[in-house]
């Protein structure tokens, strides 16, 4: 997946689950460089 696609998916998840801390934490972890 390209960085652009990941960014779009991450924004979508944050928007859809902004009130779900577990989802937000998982998304942030996945988005960080490895």
PDB file of N, CA and C in Angstrom:
ATOM      1  N   UNK A   1       0.842  -1.198   0.000  1.00  0.00           N
ATOM      2  CA  UNK A   1       0.000   0.000   0.000  1.00  0.00           C
ATOM      3  C   UNK A   1       0.880   1.252   0.000  1.00  0.00           C
ATOM      4  N   UNK A   2       0.494   2.244  -0.754  1.00  0.00           N
ATOM      5  CA  UNK A   2       1.291   3.470  -0.802  1.00  0.00           C
ATOM      6  C   UNK A   2       1.029   4.321   0.435  1.00  0.00           C
ATOM      7  N   UNK A   3       1.937   5.244   0.715  1.00  0.00           N
ATOM      8  CA  UNK A   3       1.760   6.127   1.872  1.00  0.00           C
ATOM      9  C   UNK A   3       0.455   6.916   1.743  1.00  0.00           C
ATOM     10  N   UNK A   4       0.143   7.362   0.533  1.00  0.00           N
ATOM     11  CA  UNK A   4      -1.083   8.129   0.325  1.00  0.00           C
ATOM     12  C   UNK A   4      -2.319   7.325   0.694  1.00  0.00           C
ATOM     13  N   UNK A   5      -2.362   6.071   0.255  1.00  0.00           N
ATOM     14  CA  UNK A   5      -3.504   5.218   0.561  1.00  0.00           C
ATOM     15  C   UNK A   5      -3.607   4.985   2.062  1.00  0.00           C
ATOM     16  N   UNK A   6      -2.475   4.741   2.700  1.00  0.00           N
ATOM     17  CA  UNK A   6      -2.482   4.522   4.149  1.00  0.00           C
ATOM     18  C   UNK A   6      -3.023   5.750   4.860  1.00  0.00           C
ATOM     19  N   UNK A   7      -2.604   6.919   4.387  1.00  0.00           N
ATOM     20  CA  UNK A   7      -3.045   8.159   5.018  1.00  0.00           C
ATOM     21  C   UNK A   7      -4.561   8.303   4.912  1.00  0.00           C
ATOM     22  N   UNK A   8      -5.098   8.014   3.730  1.00  0.00           N
ATOM     23  CA  UNK A   8      -6.543   8.124   3.525  1.00  0.00           C
ATOM     24  C   UNK A   8      -7.289   7.147   4.428  1.00  0.00           C
ATOM     25  N   UNK A   9      -6.803   5.914   4.490  1.00  0.00           N
ATOM     26  CA  UNK A   9      -7.455   4.908   5.337  1.00  0.00           C
ATOM     27  C   UNK A   9      -7.386   5.329   6.799  1.00  0.00           C
ATOM     28  N   UNK A  10      -6.237   5.837   7.234  1.00  0.00           N
ATOM     29  CA  UNK A  10      -6.074   6.244   8.626  1.00  0.00           C
ATOM     30  C   UNK A  10      -7.047   7.363   8.977  1.00  0.00           C
ATOM     31  N   UNK A  11      -7.159   8.345   8.091  1.00  0.00           N
ATOM     32  CA  UNK A  11      -8.088   9.449   8.324  1.00  0.00           C
ATOM     33  C   UNK A  11      -9.516   8.924   8.426  1.00  0.00           C
ATOM     34  N   UNK A  12      -9.853   7.970   7.567  1.00  0.00           N
ATOM     35  CA  UNK A  12     -11.188   7.382   7.604  1.00  0.00           C
ATOM     36  C   UNK A  12     -11.461   6.679   8.921  1.00  0.00           C
ATOM     37  N   UNK A  13     -10.471   5.916   9.382  1.00  0.00           N
ATOM     38  CA  UNK A  13     -10.637   5.211  10.658  1.00  0.00           C
ATOM     39  C   UNK A  13     -10.793   6.193  11.802  1.00  0.00           C
ATOM     40  N   UNK A  14      -9.951   7.216  11.833  1.00  0.00           N
ATOM     41  CA  UNK A  14     -10.024   8.200  12.910  1.00  0.00           C
ATOM     42  C   UNK A  14     -11.370   8.908  12.898  1.00  0.00           C
ATOM     43  N   UNK A  15     -11.882   9.202  11.725  1.00  0.00           N
ATOM     44  CA  UNK A  15     -13.169   9.882  11.616  1.00  0.00           C
ATOM     45  C   UNK A  15     -14.306   8.974  12.075  1.00  0.00           C
ATOM     46  N   UNK A  16     -14.213   7.687  11.725  1.00  0.00           N
ATOM     47  CA  UNK A  16     -15.287   6.753  12.047  1.00  0.00           C
ATOM     48  C   UNK A  16     -15.229   6.278  13.492  1.00  0.00           C
ATOM     49  N   UNK A  17     -14.023   6.255  14.078  1.00  0.00           N
ATOM     50  CA  UNK A  17     -13.849   5.671  15.409  1.00  0.00           C
ATOM     51  C   UNK A  17     -13.181   6.642  16.379  1.00  0.00           C
ATOM     52  N   UNK A  18     -13.391   7.932  16.166  1.00  0.00           N
ATOM     53  CA  UNK A  18     -12.720   8.931  17.000  1.00  0.00           C
ATOM     54  C   UNK A  18     -13.066   8.758  18.481  1.00  0.00           C
ATOM     55  N   UNK A  19     -14.187   8.099  18.788  1.00  0.00           N
ATOM     56  CA  UNK A  19     -14.580   7.898  20.182  1.00  0.00           C
ATOM     57  C   UNK A  19     -14.185   6.518  20.694  1.00  0.00           C
ATOM     58  N   UNK A  20     -13.433   5.759  19.887  1.00  0.00           N
ATOM     59  CA  UNK A  20     -13.018   4.408  20.279  1.00  0.00           C
ATOM     60  C   UNK A  20     -11.505   4.398  20.481  1.00  0.00           C
ATOM     61  N   UNK A  21     -11.022   4.571  21.715  1.00  0.00           N
ATOM     62  CA  UNK A  21      -9.583   4.688  21.981  1.00  0.00           C
ATOM     63  C   UNK A  21      -8.780   3.516  21.445  1.00  0.00           C
ATOM     64  N   UNK A  22      -9.304   2.299  21.534  1.00  0.00           N
ATOM     65  CA  UNK A  22      -8.561   1.128  21.061  1.00  0.00           C
ATOM     66  C   UNK A  22      -8.286   1.228  19.562  1.00  0.00           C
ATOM     67  N   UNK A  23      -9.282   1.648  18.795  1.00  0.00           N
ATOM     68  CA  UNK A  23      -9.114   1.779  17.345  1.00  0.00           C
ATOM     69  C   UNK A  23      -8.108   2.878  17.031  1.00  0.00           C
ATOM     70  N   UNK A  24      -8.213   3.998  17.720  1.00  0.00           N
ATOM     71  CA  UNK A  24      -7.302   5.120  17.474  1.00  0.00           C
ATOM     72  C   UNK A  24      -5.869   4.721  17.784  1.00  0.00           C
ATOM     73  N   UNK A  25      -5.646   4.056  18.919  1.00  0.00           N
ATOM     74  CA  UNK A  25      -4.292   3.630  19.297  1.00  0.00           C
ATOM     75  C   UNK A  25      -3.741   2.650  18.261  1.00  0.00           C
ATOM     76  N   UNK A  26      -4.554   1.687  17.850  1.00  0.00           N
ATOM     77  CA  UNK A  26      -4.110   0.714  16.854  1.00  0.00           C
ATOM     78  C   UNK A  26      -3.767   1.419  15.547  1.00  0.00           C
ATOM     79  N   UNK A  27      -4.563   2.400  15.149  1.00  0.00           N
ATOM     80  CA  UNK A  27      -4.322   3.128  13.912  1.00  0.00           C
ATOM     81  C   UNK A  27      -3.038   3.938  13.992  1.00  0.00           C
ATOM     82  N   UNK A  28      -2.820   4.602  15.099  1.00  0.00           N
ATOM     83  CA  UNK A  28      -1.603   5.400  15.265  1.00  0.00           C
ATOM     84  C   UNK A  28      -0.376   4.499  15.230  1.00  0.00           C
ATOM     85  N   UNK A  29      -0.433   3.364  15.904  1.00  0.00           N
ATOM     86  CA  UNK A  29       0.694   2.429  15.909  1.00  0.00           C
ATOM     87  C   UNK A  29       1.006   1.944  14.501  1.00  0.00           C
ATOM     88  N   UNK A  30      -0.028   1.609  13.751  1.00  0.00           N
ATOM     89  CA  UNK A  30       0.141   1.093  12.396  1.00  0.00           C
ATOM     90  C   UNK A  30       0.708   2.178  11.490  1.00  0.00           C
ATOM     91  N   UNK A  31       0.360   3.406  11.747  1.00  0.00           N
ATOM     92  CA  UNK A  31       0.775   4.521  10.892  1.00  0.00           C
ATOM     93  C   UNK A  31       2.212   4.956  11.169  1.00  0.00           C
ATOM     94  N   UNK A  32       2.710   4.695  12.375  1.00  0.00           N
ATOM     95  CA  UNK A  32       4.086   5.073  12.704  1.00  0.00           C
ATOM     96  C   UNK A  32       5.088   4.268  11.884  1.00  0.00           C
ATOM     97  N   UNK A  33       6.241   4.876  11.568  1.00  0.00           N
ATOM     98  CA  UNK A  33       7.279   4.146  10.835  1.00  0.00           C
ATOM     99  C   UNK A  33       7.806   2.976  11.655  1.00  0.00           C
ATOM    100  N   UNK A  34       8.168   1.893  10.997  1.00  0.00           N
ATOM    101  CA  UNK A  34       8.637   0.704  11.702  1.00  0.00           C
ATOM    102  C   UNK A  34      10.151   0.644  11.694  1.00  0.00           C
TER     103      UNK A  34
END
